[in-house]
Amino acid sequence: MEGKVAILGDADFVMPFAALGVDTYAVGREREQVTEAAEHIVAAEYALLVVAEDIAAAAEEVLGKTQSRPTPCVVVVPFTTESEGFATEALGKVLKLATGIDILKSS
């Protein structure tokens, strides 16, 4: 499958990806700016979207609407010195959708 890749995060997060020629969207922490960039990415029909964990919560409303669609595949990755748990939670949701089991649920 061919498709475009987008990277969404702050300038420090997207910089290495820009060097690879991937489409990058550097945003601040303002919810409006993150939401606007996420809406643009969804409308542009990217196949893969890599989102920095520290801004993922701000984009969740827009990206949550894409969960029932095959694209974009959204991958949330930790980028701060201490994980906020959002990446693990996002992975848990995808795994539950794929398997029907809450694999990451703590007993």
PDB file of N, CA and C in Angstrom:
ATOM      1  N   MET A   1       0.843  -1.175   0.000  1.00  0.00           N
ATOM      2  CA  MET A   1       0.000   0.000   0.000  1.00  0.00           C
ATOM      3  C   MET A   1       0.889   1.238   0.000  1.00  0.00           C
ATOM      4  N   GLU A   2       0.586   2.148  -0.872  1.00  0.00           N
ATOM      5  CA  GLU A   2       1.330   3.397  -0.929  1.00  0.00           C
ATOM      6  C   GLU A   2       0.508   4.493  -0.292  1.00  0.00           C
ATOM      7  N   GLY A   3       1.185   5.478   0.239  1.00  0.00           N
ATOM      8  CA  GLY A   3       0.484   6.599   0.828  1.00  0.00           C
ATOM      9  C   GLY A   3       1.451   7.590   1.410  1.00  0.00           C
ATOM     10  N   LYS A   4       0.916   8.731   1.720  1.00  0.00           N
ATOM     11  CA  LYS A   4       1.732   9.795   2.293  1.00  0.00           C
ATOM     12  C   LYS A   4       1.812   9.628   3.815  1.00  0.00           C
ATOM     13  N   VAL A   5       2.899  10.150   4.372  1.00  0.00           N
ATOM     14  CA  VAL A   5       3.128  10.109   5.810  1.00  0.00           C
ATOM     15  C   VAL A   5       3.196  11.537   6.323  1.00  0.00           C
ATOM     16  N   ALA A   6       2.517  11.796   7.444  1.00  0.00           N
ATOM     17  CA  ALA A   6       2.550  13.108   8.084  1.00  0.00           C
ATOM     18  C   ALA A   6       3.026  12.951   9.521  1.00  0.00           C
ATOM     19  N   ILE A   7       3.770  13.956   9.980  1.00  0.00           N
ATOM     20  CA  ILE A   7       4.268  13.983  11.347  1.00  0.00           C
ATOM     21  C   ILE A   7       3.707  15.236  12.005  1.00  0.00           C
ATOM     22  N   LEU A   8       3.091  15.073  13.183  1.00  0.00           N
ATOM     23  CA  LEU A   8       2.478  16.185  13.900  1.00  0.00           C
ATOM     24  C   LEU A   8       3.078  16.288  15.294  1.00  0.00           C
ATOM     25  N   GLY A   9       3.648  17.440  15.603  1.00  0.00           N
ATOM     26  CA  GLY A   9       4.246  17.659  16.917  1.00  0.00           C
ATOM     27  C   GLY A   9       4.918  19.013  16.961  1.00  0.00           C
ATOM     28  N   ASP A  10       5.653  19.256  18.024  1.00  0.00           N
ATOM     29  CA  ASP A  10       6.358  20.539  18.105  1.00  0.00           C
ATOM     30  C   ASP A  10       7.584  20.503  17.189  1.00  0.00           C
ATOM     31  N   ALA A  11       8.237  21.638  17.053  1.00  0.00           N
ATOM     32  CA  ALA A  11       9.354  21.764  16.115  1.00  0.00           C
ATOM     33  C   ALA A  11      10.473  20.760  16.388  1.00  0.00           C
ATOM     34  N   ASP A  12      10.785  20.510  17.643  1.00  0.00           N
ATOM     35  CA  ASP A  12      11.843  19.561  17.984  1.00  0.00           C
ATOM     36  C   ASP A  12      11.479  18.134  17.583  1.00  0.00           C
ATOM     37  N   PHE A  13      10.202  17.806  17.680  1.00  0.00           N
ATOM     38  CA  PHE A  13       9.745  16.458  17.334  1.00  0.00           C
ATOM     39  C   PHE A  13       9.781  16.225  15.823  1.00  0.00           C
ATOM     40  N   VAL A  14       9.318  17.191  15.044  1.00  0.00           N
ATOM     41  CA  VAL A  14       9.189  16.988  13.598  1.00  0.00           C
ATOM     42  C   VAL A  14      10.489  17.183  12.830  1.00  0.00           C
ATOM     43  N   MET A  15      11.457  17.879  13.415  1.00  0.00           N
ATOM     44  CA  MET A  15      12.696  18.216  12.706  1.00  0.00           C
ATOM     45  C   MET A  15      13.414  16.997  12.099  1.00  0.00           C
ATOM     46  N   PRO A  16      13.632  15.909  12.831  1.00  0.00           N
ATOM     47  CA  PRO A  16      14.330  14.772  12.217  1.00  0.00           C
ATOM     48  C   PRO A  16      13.561  14.166  11.040  1.00  0.00           C
ATOM     49  N   PHE A  17      12.241  14.193  11.112  1.00  0.00           N
ATOM     50  CA  PHE A  17      11.428  13.646  10.031  1.00  0.00           C
ATOM     51  C   PHE A  17      11.483  14.531   8.790  1.00  0.00           C
ATOM     52  N   ALA A  18      11.585  15.835   9.000  1.00  0.00           N
ATOM     53  CA  ALA A  18      11.685  16.767   7.875  1.00  0.00           C
ATOM     54  C   ALA A  18      12.941  16.472   7.050  1.00  0.00           C
ATOM     55  N   ALA A  19      14.002  16.074   7.738  1.00  0.00           N
ATOM     56  CA  ALA A  19      15.253  15.743   7.051  1.00  0.00           C
ATOM     57  C   ALA A  19      15.089  14.514   6.152  1.00  0.00           C
ATOM     58  N   LEU A  20      14.096  13.685   6.451  1.00  0.00           N
ATOM     59  CA  LEU A  20      13.831  12.491   5.647  1.00  0.00           C
ATOM     60  C   LEU A  20      12.886  12.779   4.487  1.00  0.00           C
ATOM     61  N   GLY A  21      12.381  13.996   4.421  1.00  0.00           N
ATOM     62  CA  GLY A  21      11.477  14.369   3.337  1.00  0.00           C
ATOM     63  C   GLY A  21      10.021  14.056   3.607  1.00  0.00           C
ATOM     64  N   VAL A  22       9.694  13.728   4.839  1.00  0.00           N
ATOM     65  CA  VAL A  22       8.313  13.435   5.220  1.00  0.00           C
ATOM     66  C   VAL A  22       7.584  14.768   5.466  1.00  0.00           C
ATOM     67  N   ASP A  23       6.286  14.795   5.198  1.00  0.00           N
ATOM     68  CA  ASP A  23       5.497  16.002   5.457  1.00  0.00           C
ATOM     69  C   ASP A  23       5.365  16.213   6.958  1.00  0.00           C
ATOM     70  N   THR A  24       5.806  17.367   7.419  1.00  0.00           N
ATOM     71  CA  THR A  24       5.780  17.644   8.846  1.00  0.00           C
ATOM     72  C   THR A  24       4.888  18.839   9.151  1.00  0.00           C
ATOM     73  N   TYR A  25       4.274  18.792  10.312  1.00  0.00           N
ATOM     74  CA  TYR A  25       3.403  19.863  10.792  1.00  0.00           C
ATOM     75  C   TYR A  25       3.855  20.227  12.201  1.00  0.00           C
ATOM     76  N   ALA A  26       4.642  21.277  12.276  1.00  0.00           N
ATOM     77  CA  ALA A  26       5.135  21.750  13.577  1.00  0.00           C
ATOM     78  C   ALA A  26       4.072  22.663  14.176  1.00  0.00           C
ATOM     79  N   VAL A  27       3.638  22.336  15.373  1.00  0.00           N
ATOM     80  CA  VAL A  27       2.605  23.114  16.053  1.00  0.00           C
ATOM     81  C   VAL A  27       3.046  23.416  17.475  1.00  0.00           C
ATOM     82  N   GLY A  28       2.413  24.418  18.063  1.00  0.00           N
ATOM     83  CA  GLY A  28       2.617  24.706  19.477  1.00  0.00           C
ATOM     84  C   GLY A  28       1.642  23.873  20.292  1.00  0.00           C
ATOM     85  N   ARG A  29       1.470  24.221  21.525  1.00  0.00           N
ATOM     86  CA  ARG A  29       0.570  23.468  22.397  1.00  0.00           C
ATOM     87  C   ARG A  29      -0.866  23.998  22.400  1.00  0.00           C
ATOM     88  N   GLU A  30      -1.132  25.064  21.654  1.00  0.00           N
ATOM     89  CA  GLU A  30      -2.476  25.627  21.623  1.00  0.00           C
ATOM     90  C   GLU A  30      -3.411  24.654  20.922  1.00  0.00           C
ATOM     91  N   ARG A  31      -4.515  24.316  21.584  1.00  0.00           N
ATOM     92  CA  ARG A  31      -5.473  23.329  21.063  1.00  0.00           C
ATOM     93  C   ARG A  31      -5.963  23.709  19.667  1.00  0.00           C
ATOM     94  N   GLU A  32      -6.245  24.987  19.439  1.00  0.00           N
ATOM     95  CA  GLU A  32      -6.764  25.424  18.145  1.00  0.00           C
ATOM     96  C   GLU A  32      -5.759  25.140  17.024  1.00  0.00           C
ATOM     97  N   GLN A  33      -4.495  25.409  17.281  1.00  0.00           N
ATOM     98  CA  GLN A  33      -3.454  25.182  16.277  1.00  0.00           C
ATOM     99  C   GLN A  33      -3.291  23.689  15.984  1.00  0.00           C
ATOM    100  N   VAL A  34      -3.319  22.870  17.020  1.00  0.00           N
ATOM    101  CA  VAL A  34      -3.184  21.420  16.858  1.00  0.00           C
ATOM    102  C   VAL A  34      -4.389  20.863  16.105  1.00  0.00           C
ATOM    103  N   THR A  35      -5.579  21.292  16.483  1.00  0.00           N
ATOM    104  CA  THR A  35      -6.808  20.827  15.839  1.00  0.00           C
ATOM    105  C   THR A  35      -6.833  21.200  14.366  1.00  0.00           C
ATOM    106  N   GLU A  36      -6.438  22.419  14.060  1.00  0.00           N
ATOM    107  CA  GLU A  36      -6.413  22.881  12.670  1.00  0.00           C
ATOM    108  C   GLU A  36      -5.454  22.034  11.827  1.00  0.00           C
ATOM    109  N   ALA A  37      -4.280  21.749  12.365  1.00  0.00           N
ATOM    110  CA  ALA A  37      -3.303  20.924  11.643  1.00  0.00           C
ATOM    111  C   ALA A  37      -3.835  19.502  11.465  1.00  0.00           C
ATOM    112  N   ALA A  38      -4.451  18.943  12.502  1.00  0.00           N
ATOM    113  CA  ALA A  38      -5.000  17.583  12.414  1.00  0.00           C
ATOM    114  C   ALA A  38      -6.116  17.513  11.376  1.00  0.00           C
ATOM    115  N   GLU A  39      -6.970  18.517  11.331  1.00  0.00           N
ATOM    116  CA  GLU A  39      -8.040  18.548  10.331  1.00  0.00           C
ATOM    117  C   GLU A  39      -7.460  18.601   8.914  1.00  0.00           C
ATOM    118  N   HIS A  40      -6.417  19.383   8.738  1.00  0.00           N
ATOM    119  CA  HIS A  40      -5.761  19.465   7.424  1.00  0.00           C
ATOM    120  C   HIS A  40      -5.181  18.111   7.021  1.00  0.00           C
ATOM    121  N   ILE A  41      -4.541  17.440   7.955  1.00  0.00           N
ATOM    122  CA  ILE A  41      -3.928  16.135   7.677  1.00  0.00           C
ATOM    123  C   ILE A  41      -4.991  15.116   7.289  1.00  0.00           C
ATOM    124  N   VAL A  42      -6.096  15.079   8.027  1.00  0.00           N
ATOM    125  CA  VAL A  42      -7.176  14.141   7.721  1.00  0.00           C
ATOM    126  C   VAL A  42      -7.759  14.436   6.335  1.00  0.00           C
ATOM    127  N   ALA A  43      -7.976  15.704   6.035  1.00  0.00           N
ATOM    128  CA  ALA A  43      -8.539  16.096   4.738  1.00  0.00           C
ATOM    129  C   ALA A  43      -7.590  15.765   3.578  1.00  0.00           C
ATOM    130  N   ALA A  44      -6.289  15.796   3.844  1.00  0.00           N
ATOM    131  CA  ALA A  44      -5.294  15.534   2.803  1.00  0.00           C
ATOM    132  C   ALA A  44      -5.093  14.041   2.543  1.00  0.00           C
ATOM    133  N   GLU A  45      -5.804  13.204   3.276  1.00  0.00           N
ATOM    134  CA  GLU A  45      -5.808  11.755   3.073  1.00  0.00           C
ATOM    135  C   GLU A  45      -4.433  11.107   3.191  1.00  0.00           C
ATOM    136  N   TYR A  46      -3.747  11.398   4.271  1.00  0.00           N
ATOM    137  CA  TYR A  46      -2.479  10.727   4.567  1.00  0.00           C
ATOM    138  C   TYR A  46      -2.765   9.292   4.970  1.00  0.00           C
ATOM    139  N   ALA A  47      -1.852   8.396   4.666  1.00  0.00           N
ATOM    140  CA  ALA A  47      -1.996   6.997   5.046  1.00  0.00           C
ATOM    141  C   ALA A  47      -1.543   6.761   6.484  1.00  0.00           C
ATOM    142  N   LEU A  48      -0.508   7.486   6.908  1.00  0.00           N
ATOM    143  CA  LEU A  48       0.053   7.317   8.247  1.00  0.00           C
ATOM    144  C   LEU A  48       0.273   8.680   8.876  1.00  0.00           C
ATOM    145  N   LEU A  49      -0.127   8.795  10.132  1.00  0.00           N
ATOM    146  CA  LEU A  49       0.093  10.016  10.900  1.00  0.00           C
ATOM    147  C   LEU A  49       0.788   9.650  12.197  1.00  0.00           C
ATOM    148  N   VAL A  50       1.972  10.211  12.396  1.00  0.00           N
ATOM    149  CA  VAL A  50       2.713  10.022  13.637  1.00  0.00           C
ATOM    150  C   VAL A  50       2.527  11.287  14.459  1.00  0.00           C
ATOM    151  N   VAL A  51       2.024  11.120  15.694  1.00  0.00           N
ATOM    152  CA  VAL A  51       1.699  12.258  16.560  1.00  0.00           C
ATOM    153  C   VAL A  51       2.523  12.178  17.834  1.00  0.00           C
ATOM    154  N   ALA A  52       3.115  13.301  18.216  1.00  0.00           N
ATOM    155  CA  ALA A  52       3.846  13.366  19.483  1.00  0.00           C
ATOM    156  C   ALA A  52       2.846  13.271  20.633  1.00  0.00           C
ATOM    157  N   GLU A  53       3.181  12.490  21.630  1.00  0.00           N
ATOM    158  CA  GLU A  53       2.277  12.244  22.752  1.00  0.00           C
ATOM    159  C   GLU A  53       1.862  13.528  23.463  1.00  0.00           C
ATOM    160  N   ASP A  54       2.781  14.479  23.577  1.00  0.00           N
ATOM    161  CA  ASP A  54       2.472  15.673  24.358  1.00  0.00           C
ATOM    162  C   ASP A  54       1.409  16.572  23.727  1.00  0.00           C
ATOM    163  N   ILE A  55       1.111  16.388  22.435  1.00  0.00           N
ATOM    164  CA  ILE A  55       0.047  17.181  21.815  1.00  0.00           C
ATOM    165  C   ILE A  55      -1.116  16.300  21.346  1.00  0.00           C
ATOM    166  N   ALA A  56      -1.019  14.999  21.528  1.00  0.00           N
ATOM    167  CA  ALA A  56      -2.036  14.071  21.041  1.00  0.00           C
ATOM    168  C   ALA A  56      -3.404  14.320  21.666  1.00  0.00           C
ATOM    169  N   ALA A  57      -3.443  14.670  22.928  1.00  0.00           N
ATOM    170  CA  ALA A  57      -4.729  14.909  23.584  1.00  0.00           C
ATOM    171  C   ALA A  57      -5.485  16.052  22.918  1.00  0.00           C
ATOM    172  N   ALA A  58      -4.767  17.063  22.472  1.00  0.00           N
ATOM    173  CA  ALA A  58      -5.399  18.200  21.807  1.00  0.00           C
ATOM    174  C   ALA A  58      -5.958  17.815  20.443  1.00  0.00           C
ATOM    175  N   ALA A  59      -5.397  16.800  19.814  1.00  0.00           N
ATOM    176  CA  ALA A  59      -5.851  16.358  18.492  1.00  0.00           C
ATOM    177  C   ALA A  59      -6.850  15.214  18.566  1.00  0.00           C
ATOM    178  N   GLU A  60      -7.118  14.717  19.761  1.00  0.00           N
ATOM    179  CA  GLU A  60      -7.939  13.520  19.932  1.00  0.00           C
ATOM    180  C   GLU A  60      -9.345  13.668  19.346  1.00  0.00           C
ATOM    181  N   GLU A  61      -9.956  14.812  19.481  1.00  0.00           N
ATOM    182  CA  GLU A  61     -11.316  15.003  18.974  1.00  0.00           C
ATOM    183  C   GLU A  61     -11.368  14.797  17.456  1.00  0.00           C
ATOM    184  N   VAL A  62     -10.411  15.370  16.759  1.00  0.00           N
ATOM    185  CA  VAL A  62     -10.366  15.244  15.297  1.00  0.00           C
ATOM    186  C   VAL A  62      -9.956  13.827  14.899  1.00  0.00           C
ATOM    187  N   LEU A  63      -8.921  13.314  15.509  1.00  0.00           N
ATOM    188  CA  LEU A  63      -8.394  12.013  15.111  1.00  0.00           C
ATOM    189  C   LEU A  63      -9.285  10.861  15.555  1.00  0.00           C
ATOM    190  N   GLY A  64     -10.050  11.057  16.618  1.00  0.00           N
ATOM    191  CA  GLY A  64     -10.971  10.020  17.074  1.00  0.00           C
ATOM    192  C   GLY A  64     -12.017   9.673  16.031  1.00  0.00           C
ATOM    193  N   LYS A  65     -12.357  10.638  15.200  1.00  0.00           N
ATOM    194  CA  LYS A  65     -13.357  10.425  14.153  1.00  0.00           C
ATOM    195  C   LYS A  65     -12.835   9.515  13.041  1.00  0.00           C
ATOM    196  N   THR A  66     -11.537   9.304  12.986  1.00  0.00           N
ATOM    197  CA  THR A  66     -10.945   8.489  11.918  1.00  0.00           C
ATOM    198  C   THR A  66     -10.767   7.031  12.312  1.00  0.00           C
ATOM    199  N   GLN A  67     -11.110   6.662  13.558  1.00  0.00           N
ATOM    200  CA  GLN A  67     -10.852   5.305  14.028  1.00  0.00           C
ATOM    201  C   GLN A  67     -11.591   4.234  13.244  1.00  0.00           C
ATOM    202  N   SER A  68     -12.735   4.571  12.692  1.00  0.00           N
ATOM    203  CA  SER A  68     -13.491   3.568  11.943  1.00  0.00           C
ATOM    204  C   SER A  68     -13.084   3.524  10.469  1.00  0.00           C
ATOM    205  N   ARG A  69     -12.141   4.376  10.095  1.00  0.00           N
ATOM    206  CA  ARG A  69     -11.662   4.421   8.713  1.00  0.00           C
ATOM    207  C   ARG A  69     -10.295   3.750   8.618  1.00  0.00           C
ATOM    208  N   PRO A  70      -9.969   3.198   7.450  1.00  0.00           N
ATOM    209  CA  PRO A  70      -8.665   2.544   7.320  1.00  0.00           C
ATOM    210  C   PRO A  70      -7.486   3.512   7.345  1.00  0.00           C
ATOM    211  N   THR A  71      -7.710   4.742   6.907  1.00  0.00           N
ATOM    212  CA  THR A  71      -6.633   5.730   6.938  1.00  0.00           C
ATOM    213  C   THR A  71      -7.159   7.035   7.481  1.00  0.00           C
ATOM    214  N   PRO A  72      -6.363   7.816   8.140  1.00  0.00           N
ATOM    215  CA  PRO A  72      -4.955   7.547   8.398  1.00  0.00           C
ATOM    216  C   PRO A  72      -4.775   6.599   9.582  1.00  0.00           C
ATOM    217  N   CYS A  73      -3.720   5.825   9.507  1.00  0.00           N
ATOM    218  CA  CYS A  73      -3.311   5.029  10.659  1.00  0.00           C
ATOM    219  C   CYS A  73      -2.585   6.001  11.585  1.00  0.00           C
ATOM    220  N   VAL A  74      -3.113   6.171  12.795  1.00  0.00           N
ATOM    221  CA  VAL A  74      -2.550   7.154  13.724  1.00  0.00           C
ATOM    222  C   VAL A  74      -1.689   6.434  14.752  1.00  0.00           C
ATOM    223  N   VAL A  75      -0.430   6.860  14.850  1.00  0.00           N
ATOM    224  CA  VAL A  75       0.506   6.291  15.816  1.00  0.00           C
ATOM    225  C   VAL A  75       0.948   7.415  16.751  1.00  0.00           C
ATOM    226  N   VAL A  76       0.673   7.237  18.029  1.00  0.00           N
ATOM    227  CA  VAL A  76       1.072   8.229  19.032  1.00  0.00           C
ATOM    228  C   VAL A  76       2.350   7.722  19.691  1.00  0.00           C
ATOM    229  N   VAL A  77       3.392   8.566  19.677  1.00  0.00           N
ATOM    230  CA  VAL A  77       4.664   8.155  20.259  1.00  0.00           C
ATOM    231  C   VAL A  77       5.090   9.122  21.352  1.00  0.00           C
ATOM    232  N   PRO A  78       5.660   8.594  22.425  1.00  0.00           N
ATOM    233  CA  PRO A  78       6.144   9.473  23.492  1.00  0.00           C
ATOM    234  C   PRO A  78       7.344  10.283  23.017  1.00  0.00           C
ATOM    235  N   PHE A  79       7.414  11.521  23.446  1.00  0.00           N
ATOM    236  CA  PHE A  79       8.539  12.359  23.048  1.00  0.00           C
ATOM    237  C   PHE A  79       9.091  13.169  24.204  1.00  0.00           C
ATOM    238  N   THR A  80       8.402  13.204  25.291  1.00  0.00           N
ATOM    239  CA  THR A  80       8.863  13.969  26.443  1.00  0.00           C
ATOM    240  C   THR A  80       9.747  13.089  27.309  1.00  0.00           C
ATOM    241  N   THR A  81      10.399  13.689  28.279  1.00  0.00           N
ATOM    242  CA  THR A  81      11.271  12.906  29.150  1.00  0.00           C
ATOM    243  C   THR A  81      10.478  11.921  29.986  1.00  0.00           C
ATOM    244  N   GLU A  82       9.228  12.236  30.286  1.00  0.00           N
ATOM    245  CA  GLU A  82       8.374  11.330  31.046  1.00  0.00           C
ATOM    246  C   GLU A  82       7.070  11.150  30.298  1.00  0.00           C
ATOM    247  N   SER A  83       6.718   9.910  30.025  1.00  0.00           N
ATOM    248  CA  SER A  83       5.489   9.624  29.284  1.00  0.00           C
ATOM    249  C   SER A  83       4.276  10.084  30.067  1.00  0.00           C
ATOM    250  N   GLU A  84       3.307  10.635  29.341  1.00  0.00           N
ATOM    251  CA  GLU A  84       2.065  11.077  29.960  1.00  0.00           C
ATOM    252  C   GLU A  84       1.024   9.963  29.952  1.00  0.00           C
ATOM    253  N   GLY A  85       1.349   8.819  29.375  1.00  0.00           N
ATOM    254  CA  GLY A  85       0.441   7.683  29.334  1.00  0.00           C
ATOM    255  C   GLY A  85      -0.518   7.692  28.160  1.00  0.00           C
ATOM    256  N   PHE A  86      -0.532   8.760  27.387  1.00  0.00           N
ATOM    257  CA  PHE A  86      -1.468   8.860  26.274  1.00  0.00           C
ATOM    258  C   PHE A  86      -1.122   7.869  25.173  1.00  0.00           C
ATOM    259  N   ALA A  87       0.162   7.667  24.914  1.00  0.00           N
ATOM    260  CA  ALA A  87       0.580   6.723  23.873  1.00  0.00           C
ATOM    261  C   ALA A  87       0.165   5.305  24.244  1.00  0.00           C
ATOM    262  N   THR A  88       0.327   4.933  25.486  1.00  0.00           N
ATOM    263  CA  THR A  88      -0.068   3.598  25.939  1.00  0.00           C
ATOM    264  C   THR A  88      -1.574   3.432  25.843  1.00  0.00           C
ATOM    265  N   GLU A  89      -2.314   4.455  26.232  1.00  0.00           N
ATOM    266  CA  GLU A  89      -3.773   4.414  26.155  1.00  0.00           C
ATOM    267  C   GLU A  89      -4.247   4.279  24.705  1.00  0.00           C
ATOM    268  N   ALA A  90      -3.621   5.038  23.804  1.00  0.00           N
ATOM    269  CA  ALA A  90      -3.981   4.973  22.384  1.00  0.00           C
ATOM    270  C   ALA A  90      -3.688   3.585  21.819  1.00  0.00           C
ATOM    271  N   LEU A  91      -2.549   3.004  22.191  1.00  0.00           N
ATOM    272  CA  LEU A  91      -2.208   1.664  21.744  1.00  0.00           C
ATOM    273  C   LEU A  91      -3.219   0.653  22.279  1.00  0.00           C
ATOM    274  N   GLY A  92      -3.608   0.817  23.538  1.00  0.00           N
ATOM    275  CA  GLY A  92      -4.602  -0.068  24.132  1.00  0.00           C
ATOM    276  C   GLY A  92      -5.919  -0.053  23.378  1.00  0.00           C
ATOM    277  N   LYS A  93      -6.358   1.129  22.949  1.00  0.00           N
ATOM    278  CA  LYS A  93      -7.608   1.251  22.188  1.00  0.00           C
ATOM    279  C   LYS A  93      -7.507   0.524  20.855  1.00  0.00           C
ATOM    280  N   VAL A  94      -6.372   0.680  20.184  1.00  0.00           N
ATOM    281  CA  VAL A  94      -6.187   0.017  18.885  1.00  0.00           C
ATOM    282  C   VAL A  94      -6.147  -1.495  19.063  1.00  0.00           C
ATOM    283  N   LEU A  95      -5.434  -1.958  20.083  1.00  0.00           N
ATOM    284  CA  LEU A  95      -5.361  -3.395  20.329  1.00  0.00           C
ATOM    285  C   LEU A  95      -6.732  -3.973  20.677  1.00  0.00           C
ATOM    286  N   LYS A  96      -7.523  -3.230  21.448  1.00  0.00           N
ATOM    287  CA  LYS A  96      -8.866  -3.705  21.795  1.00  0.00           C
ATOM    288  C   LYS A  96      -9.750  -3.752  20.558  1.00  0.00           C
ATOM    289  N   LEU A  97      -9.627  -2.748  19.702  1.00  0.00           N
ATOM    290  CA  LEU A  97     -10.398  -2.732  18.461  1.00  0.00           C
ATOM    291  C   LEU A  97     -10.017  -3.924  17.577  1.00  0.00           C
ATOM    292  N   ALA A  98      -8.731  -4.235  17.524  1.00  0.00           N
ATOM    293  CA  ALA A  98      -8.245  -5.315  16.669  1.00  0.00           C
ATOM    294  C   ALA A  98      -8.559  -6.702  17.228  1.00  0.00           C
ATOM    295  N   THR A  99      -8.467  -6.841  18.551  1.00  0.00           N
ATOM    296  CA  THR A  99      -8.610  -8.175  19.147  1.00  0.00           C
ATOM    297  C   THR A  99      -9.908  -8.389  19.901  1.00  0.00           C
ATOM    298  N   GLY A 100     -10.554  -7.303  20.306  1.00  0.00           N
ATOM    299  CA  GLY A 100     -11.756  -7.416  21.130  1.00  0.00           C
ATOM    300  C   GLY A 100     -11.440  -7.626  22.594  1.00  0.00           C
ATOM    301  N   ILE A 101     -10.162  -7.581  22.931  1.00  0.00           N
ATOM    302  CA  ILE A 101      -9.722  -7.813  24.309  1.00  0.00           C
ATOM    303  C   ILE A 101      -8.920  -6.617  24.784  1.00  0.00           C
ATOM    304  N   ASP A 102      -9.147  -6.208  26.021  1.00  0.00           N
ATOM    305  CA  ASP A 102      -8.377  -5.111  26.605  1.00  0.00           C
ATOM    306  C   ASP A 102      -7.074  -5.682  27.148  1.00  0.00           C
ATOM    307  N   ILE A 103      -6.094  -5.840  26.274  1.00  0.00           N
ATOM    308  CA  ILE A 103      -4.831  -6.497  26.594  1.00  0.00           C
ATOM    309  C   ILE A 103      -4.056  -5.745  27.664  1.00  0.00           C
ATOM    310  N   LEU A 104      -4.104  -4.443  27.641  1.00  0.00           N
ATOM    311  CA  LEU A 104      -3.312  -3.632  28.566  1.00  0.00           C
ATOM    312  C   LEU A 104      -4.011  -3.375  29.901  1.00  0.00           C
ATOM    313  N   LYS A 105      -5.189  -3.934  30.107  1.00  0.00           N
ATOM    314  CA  LYS A 105      -5.936  -3.719  31.340  1.00  0.00           C
ATOM    315  C   LYS A 105      -5.163  -4.325  32.518  1.00  0.00           C
ATOM    316  N   SER A 106      -4.989  -3.509  33.539  1.00  0.00           N
ATOM    317  CA  SER A 106      -4.298  -4.033  34.728  1.00  0.00           C
ATOM    318  C   SER A 106      -5.300  -4.721  35.625  1.00  0.00           C
ATOM    319  N   SER A 107      -4.888  -5.837  36.180  1.00  0.00           N
ATOM    320  CA  SER A 107      -5.790  -6.645  37.004  1.00  0.00           C
ATOM    321  C   SER A 107      -5.959  -6.088  38.381  1.00  0.00           C
TER     322      SER A 107
END
